[in-house]
Amino acid sequence: MQTRFQIYTDADGNKSSIIVPYDEWTKLTGKVKRLENKLKVFSGIRDGISEVNQSRRTGKQLQRLSDFIDESRG
């Protein structure tokens, strides 16, 4: 199945807008949401590693996982 896009240009020939078939748009937005979620996870991992490395340099005590879980339960 070939996807048909319609690209519109302004008077100078610069691309200004595009029309995408609805099914294709739905697939694209789904992919974007999944990628955004992955980015959030990887950013959280990166931030956590940075926090651990900083605590090792400064000697700051981090919260234990069991304390975090207990705190999360309410």
PDB file of N, CA and C in Angstrom:
ATOM      1  N   MET A   1       0.837  -1.182   0.000  1.00  0.00           N
ATOM      2  CA  MET A   1       0.000   0.000   0.000  1.00  0.00           C
ATOM      3  C   MET A   1       0.882   1.246   0.000  1.00  0.00           C
ATOM      4  N   GLN A   2       0.657   2.120  -0.914  1.00  0.00           N
ATOM      5  CA  GLN A   2       1.436   3.340  -1.023  1.00  0.00           C
ATOM      6  C   GLN A   2       0.723   4.469  -0.290  1.00  0.00           C
ATOM      7  N   THR A   3       1.474   5.180   0.557  1.00  0.00           N
ATOM      8  CA  THR A   3       0.909   6.312   1.276  1.00  0.00           C
ATOM      9  C   THR A   3       0.975   7.537   0.375  1.00  0.00           C
ATOM     10  N   ARG A   4      -0.112   8.249   0.285  1.00  0.00           N
ATOM     11  CA  ARG A   4      -0.154   9.438  -0.562  1.00  0.00           C
ATOM     12  C   ARG A   4      -0.213  10.686   0.328  1.00  0.00           C
ATOM     13  N   PHE A   5       0.856  11.461   0.255  1.00  0.00           N
ATOM     14  CA  PHE A   5       0.934  12.723   0.963  1.00  0.00           C
ATOM     15  C   PHE A   5       0.720  13.847  -0.041  1.00  0.00           C
ATOM     16  N   GLN A   6       0.134  14.925   0.409  1.00  0.00           N
ATOM     17  CA  GLN A   6       0.029  16.118  -0.419  1.00  0.00           C
ATOM     18  C   GLN A   6       0.819  17.215   0.272  1.00  0.00           C
ATOM     19  N   ILE A   7       1.832  17.716  -0.419  1.00  0.00           N
ATOM     20  CA  ILE A   7       2.677  18.761   0.142  1.00  0.00           C
ATOM     21  C   ILE A   7       2.344  20.077  -0.549  1.00  0.00           C
ATOM     22  N   TYR A   8       2.138  21.106   0.263  1.00  0.00           N
ATOM     23  CA  TYR A   8       1.820  22.426  -0.257  1.00  0.00           C
ATOM     24  C   TYR A   8       3.013  23.352  -0.042  1.00  0.00           C
ATOM     25  N   THR A   9       3.223  24.220  -1.007  1.00  0.00           N
ATOM     26  CA  THR A   9       4.319  25.186  -0.922  1.00  0.00           C
ATOM     27  C   THR A   9       3.763  26.602  -1.020  1.00  0.00           C
ATOM     28  N   ASP A  10       4.552  27.553  -0.517  1.00  0.00           N
ATOM     29  CA  ASP A  10       4.150  28.956  -0.625  1.00  0.00           C
ATOM     30  C   ASP A  10       4.610  29.511  -1.980  1.00  0.00           C
ATOM     31  N   ALA A  11       4.412  30.787  -2.172  1.00  0.00           N
ATOM     32  CA  ALA A  11       4.739  31.416  -3.459  1.00  0.00           C
ATOM     33  C   ALA A  11       6.224  31.330  -3.793  1.00  0.00           C
ATOM     34  N   ASP A  12       7.076  31.187  -2.762  1.00  0.00           N
ATOM     35  CA  ASP A  12       8.523  31.095  -2.982  1.00  0.00           C
ATOM     36  C   ASP A  12       8.996  29.659  -3.174  1.00  0.00           C
ATOM     37  N   GLY A  13       8.079  28.708  -3.102  1.00  0.00           N
ATOM     38  CA  GLY A  13       8.446  27.307  -3.272  1.00  0.00           C
ATOM     39  C   GLY A  13       8.843  26.607  -1.985  1.00  0.00           C
ATOM     40  N   ASN A  14       8.709  27.279  -0.849  1.00  0.00           N
ATOM     41  CA  ASN A  14       9.022  26.677   0.453  1.00  0.00           C
ATOM     42  C   ASN A  14       7.863  25.807   0.913  1.00  0.00           C
ATOM     43  N   LYS A  15       8.176  24.637   1.392  1.00  0.00           N
ATOM     44  CA  LYS A  15       7.126  23.741   1.896  1.00  0.00           C
ATOM     45  C   LYS A  15       6.441  24.404   3.082  1.00  0.00           C
ATOM     46  N   SER A  16       5.108  24.440   3.045  1.00  0.00           N
ATOM     47  CA  SER A  16       4.377  25.139   4.097  1.00  0.00           C
ATOM     48  C   SER A  16       3.417  24.234   4.870  1.00  0.00           C
ATOM     49  N   SER A  17       2.935  23.165   4.254  1.00  0.00           N
ATOM     50  CA  SER A  17       2.027  22.261   4.954  1.00  0.00           C
ATOM     51  C   SER A  17       1.959  20.938   4.198  1.00  0.00           C
ATOM     52  N   ILE A  18       1.366  19.958   4.880  1.00  0.00           N
ATOM     53  CA  ILE A  18       1.246  18.624   4.292  1.00  0.00           C
ATOM     54  C   ILE A  18      -0.083  18.012   4.723  1.00  0.00           C
ATOM     55  N   ILE A  19      -0.687  17.269   3.840  1.00  0.00           N
ATOM     56  CA  ILE A  19      -1.888  16.507   4.175  1.00  0.00           C
ATOM     57  C   ILE A  19      -1.486  15.039   4.189  1.00  0.00           C
ATOM     58  N   VAL A  20      -1.789  14.381   5.304  1.00  0.00           N
ATOM     59  CA  VAL A  20      -1.432  12.980   5.506  1.00  0.00           C
ATOM     60  C   VAL A  20      -2.728  12.189   5.670  1.00  0.00           C
ATOM     61  N   PRO A  21      -2.853  11.032   5.038  1.00  0.00           N
ATOM     62  CA  PRO A  21      -4.043  10.204   5.264  1.00  0.00           C
ATOM     63  C   PRO A  21      -4.221   9.912   6.761  1.00  0.00           C
ATOM     64  N   TYR A  22      -5.463   9.874   7.204  1.00  0.00           N
ATOM     65  CA  TYR A  22      -5.761   9.735   8.636  1.00  0.00           C
ATOM     66  C   TYR A  22      -5.130   8.484   9.251  1.00  0.00           C
ATOM     67  N   ASP A  23      -5.216   7.346   8.583  1.00  0.00           N
ATOM     68  CA  ASP A  23      -4.633   6.116   9.132  1.00  0.00           C
ATOM     69  C   ASP A  23      -3.132   6.268   9.341  1.00  0.00           C
ATOM     70  N   GLU A  24      -2.479   6.897   8.382  1.00  0.00           N
ATOM     71  CA  GLU A  24      -1.029   7.123   8.505  1.00  0.00           C
ATOM     72  C   GLU A  24      -0.733   8.087   9.647  1.00  0.00           C
ATOM     73  N   TRP A  25      -1.558   9.115   9.795  1.00  0.00           N
ATOM     74  CA  TRP A  25      -1.389  10.085  10.878  1.00  0.00           C
ATOM     75  C   TRP A  25      -1.514   9.388  12.239  1.00  0.00           C
ATOM     76  N   THR A  26      -2.482   8.496  12.355  1.00  0.00           N
ATOM     77  CA  THR A  26      -2.683   7.753  13.598  1.00  0.00           C
ATOM     78  C   THR A  26      -1.453   6.906  13.924  1.00  0.00           C
ATOM     79  N   LYS A  27      -0.907   6.233  12.917  1.00  0.00           N
ATOM     80  CA  LYS A  27       0.302   5.430  13.128  1.00  0.00           C
ATOM     81  C   LYS A  27       1.476   6.306  13.547  1.00  0.00           C
ATOM     82  N   LEU A  28       1.644   7.435  12.870  1.00  0.00           N
ATOM     83  CA  LEU A  28       2.758   8.332  13.185  1.00  0.00           C
ATOM     84  C   LEU A  28       2.659   8.893  14.595  1.00  0.00           C
ATOM     85  N   THR A  29       1.463   9.328  14.991  1.00  0.00           N
ATOM     86  CA  THR A  29       1.320   9.888  16.336  1.00  0.00           C
ATOM     87  C   THR A  29       1.517   8.811  17.406  1.00  0.00           C
ATOM     88  N   GLY A  30       1.126   7.578  17.107  1.00  0.00           N
ATOM     89  CA  GLY A  30       1.375   6.477  18.036  1.00  0.00           C
ATOM     90  C   GLY A  30       2.864   6.238  18.216  1.00  0.00           C
ATOM     91  N   LYS A  31       3.602   6.273  17.118  1.00  0.00           N
ATOM     92  CA  LYS A  31       5.058   6.098  17.189  1.00  0.00           C
ATOM     93  C   LYS A  31       5.701   7.230  17.984  1.00  0.00           C
ATOM     94  N   VAL A  32       5.225   8.451  17.764  1.00  0.00           N
ATOM     95  CA  VAL A  32       5.768   9.602  18.488  1.00  0.00           C
ATOM     96  C   VAL A  32       5.541   9.435  19.989  1.00  0.00           C
ATOM     97  N   LYS A  33       4.349   9.013  20.389  1.00  0.00           N
ATOM     98  CA  LYS A  33       4.053   8.827  21.813  1.00  0.00           C
ATOM     99  C   LYS A  33       4.944   7.751  22.427  1.00  0.00           C
ATOM    100  N   ARG A  34       5.156   6.646  21.691  1.00  0.00           N
ATOM    101  CA  ARG A  34       6.030   5.591  22.206  1.00  0.00           C
ATOM    102  C   ARG A  34       7.464   6.097  22.350  1.00  0.00           C
ATOM    103  N   LEU A  35       7.933   6.873  21.389  1.00  0.00           N
ATOM    104  CA  LEU A  35       9.286   7.429  21.461  1.00  0.00           C
ATOM    105  C   LEU A  35       9.414   8.431  22.606  1.00  0.00           C
ATOM    106  N   GLU A  36       8.376   9.229  22.828  1.00  0.00           N
ATOM    107  CA  GLU A  36       8.397  10.168  23.956  1.00  0.00           C
ATOM    108  C   GLU A  36       8.474   9.415  25.283  1.00  0.00           C
ATOM    109  N   ASN A  37       7.738   8.312  25.393  1.00  0.00           N
ATOM    110  CA  ASN A  37       7.789   7.501  26.615  1.00  0.00           C
ATOM    111  C   ASN A  37       9.170   6.902  26.815  1.00  0.00           C
ATOM    112  N   LYS A  38       9.781   6.404  25.731  1.00  0.00           N
ATOM    113  CA  LYS A  38      11.144   5.870  25.827  1.00  0.00           C
ATOM    114  C   LYS A  38      12.107   6.946  26.284  1.00  0.00           C
ATOM    115  N   LEU A  39      11.953   8.139  25.721  1.00  0.00           N
ATOM    116  CA  LEU A  39      12.832   9.246  26.094  1.00  0.00           C
ATOM    117  C   LEU A  39      12.705   9.565  27.579  1.00  0.00           C
ATOM    118  N   LYS A  40      11.475   9.550  28.101  1.00  0.00           N
ATOM    119  CA  LYS A  40      11.271   9.804  29.529  1.00  0.00           C
ATOM    120  C   LYS A  40      11.974   8.746  30.379  1.00  0.00           C
ATOM    121  N   VAL A  41      11.868   7.486  29.973  1.00  0.00           N
ATOM    122  CA  VAL A  41      12.508   6.402  30.725  1.00  0.00           C
ATOM    123  C   VAL A  41      14.021   6.571  30.694  1.00  0.00           C
ATOM    124  N   PHE A  42      14.573   6.781  29.497  1.00  0.00           N
ATOM    125  CA  PHE A  42      16.026   6.915  29.383  1.00  0.00           C
ATOM    126  C   PHE A  42      16.537   8.159  30.103  1.00  0.00           C
ATOM    127  N   SER A  43      15.768   9.240  30.063  1.00  0.00           N
ATOM    128  CA  SER A  43      16.159  10.449  30.785  1.00  0.00           C
ATOM    129  C   SER A  43      16.155  10.199  32.291  1.00  0.00           C
ATOM    130  N   GLY A  44      15.159   9.458  32.763  1.00  0.00           N
ATOM    131  CA  GLY A  44      15.105   9.110  34.184  1.00  0.00           C
ATOM    132  C   GLY A  44      16.284   8.255  34.597  1.00  0.00           C
ATOM    133  N   ILE A  45      16.653   7.302  33.751  1.00  0.00           N
ATOM    134  CA  ILE A  45      17.816   6.457  34.043  1.00  0.00           C
ATOM    135  C   ILE A  45      19.077   7.304  34.081  1.00  0.00           C
ATOM    136  N   ARG A  46      19.237   8.177  33.074  1.00  0.00           N
ATOM    137  CA  ARG A  46      20.413   9.055  33.028  1.00  0.00           C
ATOM    138  C   ARG A  46      20.488   9.928  34.274  1.00  0.00           C
ATOM    139  N   ASP A  47      19.353  10.516  34.677  1.00  0.00           N
ATOM    140  CA  ASP A  47      19.332  11.375  35.857  1.00  0.00           C
ATOM    141  C   ASP A  47      19.660  10.582  37.118  1.00  0.00           C
ATOM    142  N   GLY A  48      19.153   9.354  37.192  1.00  0.00           N
ATOM    143  CA  GLY A  48      19.450   8.511  38.353  1.00  0.00           C
ATOM    144  C   GLY A  48      20.925   8.163  38.436  1.00  0.00           C
ATOM    145  N   ILE A  49      21.521   7.834  37.311  1.00  0.00           N
ATOM    146  CA  ILE A  49      22.961   7.519  37.292  1.00  0.00           C
ATOM    147  C   ILE A  49      23.763   8.749  37.696  1.00  0.00           C
ATOM    148  N   SER A  50      23.371   9.912  37.206  1.00  0.00           N
ATOM    149  CA  SER A  50      24.055  11.151  37.590  1.00  0.00           C
ATOM    150  C   SER A  50      23.955  11.392  39.089  1.00  0.00           C
ATOM    151  N   GLU A  51      22.781  11.129  39.649  1.00  0.00           N
ATOM    152  CA  GLU A  51      22.583  11.324  41.092  1.00  0.00           C
ATOM    153  C   GLU A  51      23.459  10.363  41.895  1.00  0.00           C
ATOM    154  N   VAL A  52      23.545   9.117  41.439  1.00  0.00           N
ATOM    155  CA  VAL A  52      24.396   8.139  42.130  1.00  0.00           C
ATOM    156  C   VAL A  52      25.860   8.561  42.045  1.00  0.00           C
ATOM    157  N   ASN A  53      26.302   8.967  40.857  1.00  0.00           N
ATOM    158  CA  ASN A  53      27.692   9.398  40.705  1.00  0.00           C
ATOM    159  C   ASN A  53      28.003  10.610  41.573  1.00  0.00           C
ATOM    160  N   GLN A  54      27.076  11.551  41.644  1.00  0.00           N
ATOM    161  CA  GLN A  54      27.280  12.729  42.483  1.00  0.00           C
ATOM    162  C   GLN A  54      27.334  12.343  43.957  1.00  0.00           C
ATOM    163  N   SER A  55      26.486  11.414  44.371  1.00  0.00           N
ATOM    164  CA  SER A  55      26.498  11.008  45.780  1.00  0.00           C
ATOM    165  C   SER A  55      27.802  10.296  46.131  1.00  0.00           C
ATOM    166  N   ARG A  56      28.352   9.572  45.172  1.00  0.00           N
ATOM    167  CA  ARG A  56      29.651   8.922  45.410  1.00  0.00           C
ATOM    168  C   ARG A  56      30.757   9.960  45.578  1.00  0.00           C
ATOM    169  N   ARG A  57      30.690  11.031  44.791  1.00  0.00           N
ATOM    170  CA  ARG A  57      31.717  12.082  44.888  1.00  0.00           C
ATOM    171  C   ARG A  57      31.584  12.870  46.181  1.00  0.00           C
ATOM    172  N   THR A  58      30.350  13.159  46.578  1.00  0.00           N
ATOM    173  CA  THR A  58      30.137  14.029  47.737  1.00  0.00           C
ATOM    174  C   THR A  58      29.944  13.263  49.040  1.00  0.00           C
ATOM    175  N   GLY A  59      29.670  11.964  48.943  1.00  0.00           N
ATOM    176  CA  GLY A  59      29.413  11.171  50.142  1.00  0.00           C
ATOM    177  C   GLY A  59      27.991  11.308  50.655  1.00  0.00           C
ATOM    178  N   LYS A  60      27.132  11.971  49.887  1.00  0.00           N
ATOM    179  CA  LYS A  60      25.733  12.148  50.295  1.00  0.00           C
ATOM    180  C   LYS A  60      25.024  10.798  50.278  1.00  0.00           C
ATOM    181  N   GLN A  61      24.280  10.519  51.345  1.00  0.00           N
ATOM    182  CA  GLN A  61      23.517   9.277  51.458  1.00  0.00           C
ATOM    183  C   GLN A  61      22.243   9.373  50.627  1.00  0.00           C
ATOM    184  N   LEU A  62      21.995   8.365  49.803  1.00  0.00           N
ATOM    185  CA  LEU A  62      20.780   8.331  48.997  1.00  0.00           C
ATOM    186  C   LEU A  62      19.699   7.529  49.713  1.00  0.00           C
ATOM    187  N   GLN A  63      18.457   7.762  49.319  1.00  0.00           N
ATOM    188  CA  GLN A  63      17.337   7.026  49.888  1.00  0.00           C
ATOM    189  C   GLN A  63      17.414   5.566  49.447  1.00  0.00           C
ATOM    190  N   ARG A  64      17.175   4.651  50.381  1.00  0.00           N
ATOM    191  CA  ARG A  64      17.183   3.228  50.047  1.00  0.00           C
ATOM    192  C   ARG A  64      15.916   2.863  49.292  1.00  0.00           C
ATOM    193  N   LEU A  65      16.016   1.848  48.447  1.00  0.00           N
ATOM    194  CA  LEU A  65      14.867   1.421  47.650  1.00  0.00           C
ATOM    195  C   LEU A  65      13.707   0.997  48.546  1.00  0.00           C
ATOM    196  N   SER A  66      13.998   0.265  49.599  1.00  0.00           N
ATOM    197  CA  SER A  66      12.918  -0.189  50.484  1.00  0.00           C
ATOM    198  C   SER A  66      12.201   0.995  51.131  1.00  0.00           C
ATOM    199  N   ASP A  67      12.939   2.048  51.479  1.00  0.00           N
ATOM    200  CA  ASP A  67      12.308   3.249  52.036  1.00  0.00           C
ATOM    201  C   ASP A  67      11.447   3.943  50.991  1.00  0.00           C
ATOM    202  N   PHE A  68      11.945   3.977  49.772  1.00  0.00           N
ATOM    203  CA  PHE A  68      11.174   4.595  48.678  1.00  0.00           C
ATOM    204  C   PHE A  68       9.866   3.851  48.450  1.00  0.00           C
ATOM    205  N   ILE A  69       9.937   2.510  48.440  1.00  0.00           N
ATOM    206  CA  ILE A  69       8.741   1.702  48.223  1.00  0.00           C
ATOM    207  C   ILE A  69       7.745   1.891  49.361  1.00  0.00           C
ATOM    208  N   ASP A  70       8.247   1.875  50.596  1.00  0.00           N
ATOM    209  CA  ASP A  70       7.366   2.102  51.747  1.00  0.00           C
ATOM    210  C   ASP A  70       6.689   3.478  51.666  1.00  0.00           C
ATOM    211  N   GLU A  71       7.463   4.475  51.257  1.00  0.00           N
ATOM    212  CA  GLU A  71       6.936   5.831  51.131  1.00  0.00           C
ATOM    213  C   GLU A  71       5.867   5.902  50.037  1.00  0.00           C
ATOM    214  N   SER A  72       6.058   5.159  48.968  1.00  0.00           N
ATOM    215  CA  SER A  72       5.129   5.162  47.850  1.00  0.00           C
ATOM    216  C   SER A  72       3.799   4.512  48.212  1.00  0.00           C
ATOM    217  N   ARG A  73       3.821   3.600  49.133  1.00  0.00           N
ATOM    218  CA  ARG A  73       2.603   2.887  49.530  1.00  0.00           C
ATOM    219  C   ARG A  73       1.678   3.761  50.356  1.00  0.00           C
ATOM    220  N   GLY A  74       2.218   4.824  50.893  1.00  0.00           N
ATOM    221  CA  GLY A  74       1.355   5.746  51.646  1.00  0.00           C
ATOM    222  C   GLY A  74       1.526   5.578  53.055  1.00  0.00           C
TER     223      GLY A  74
END
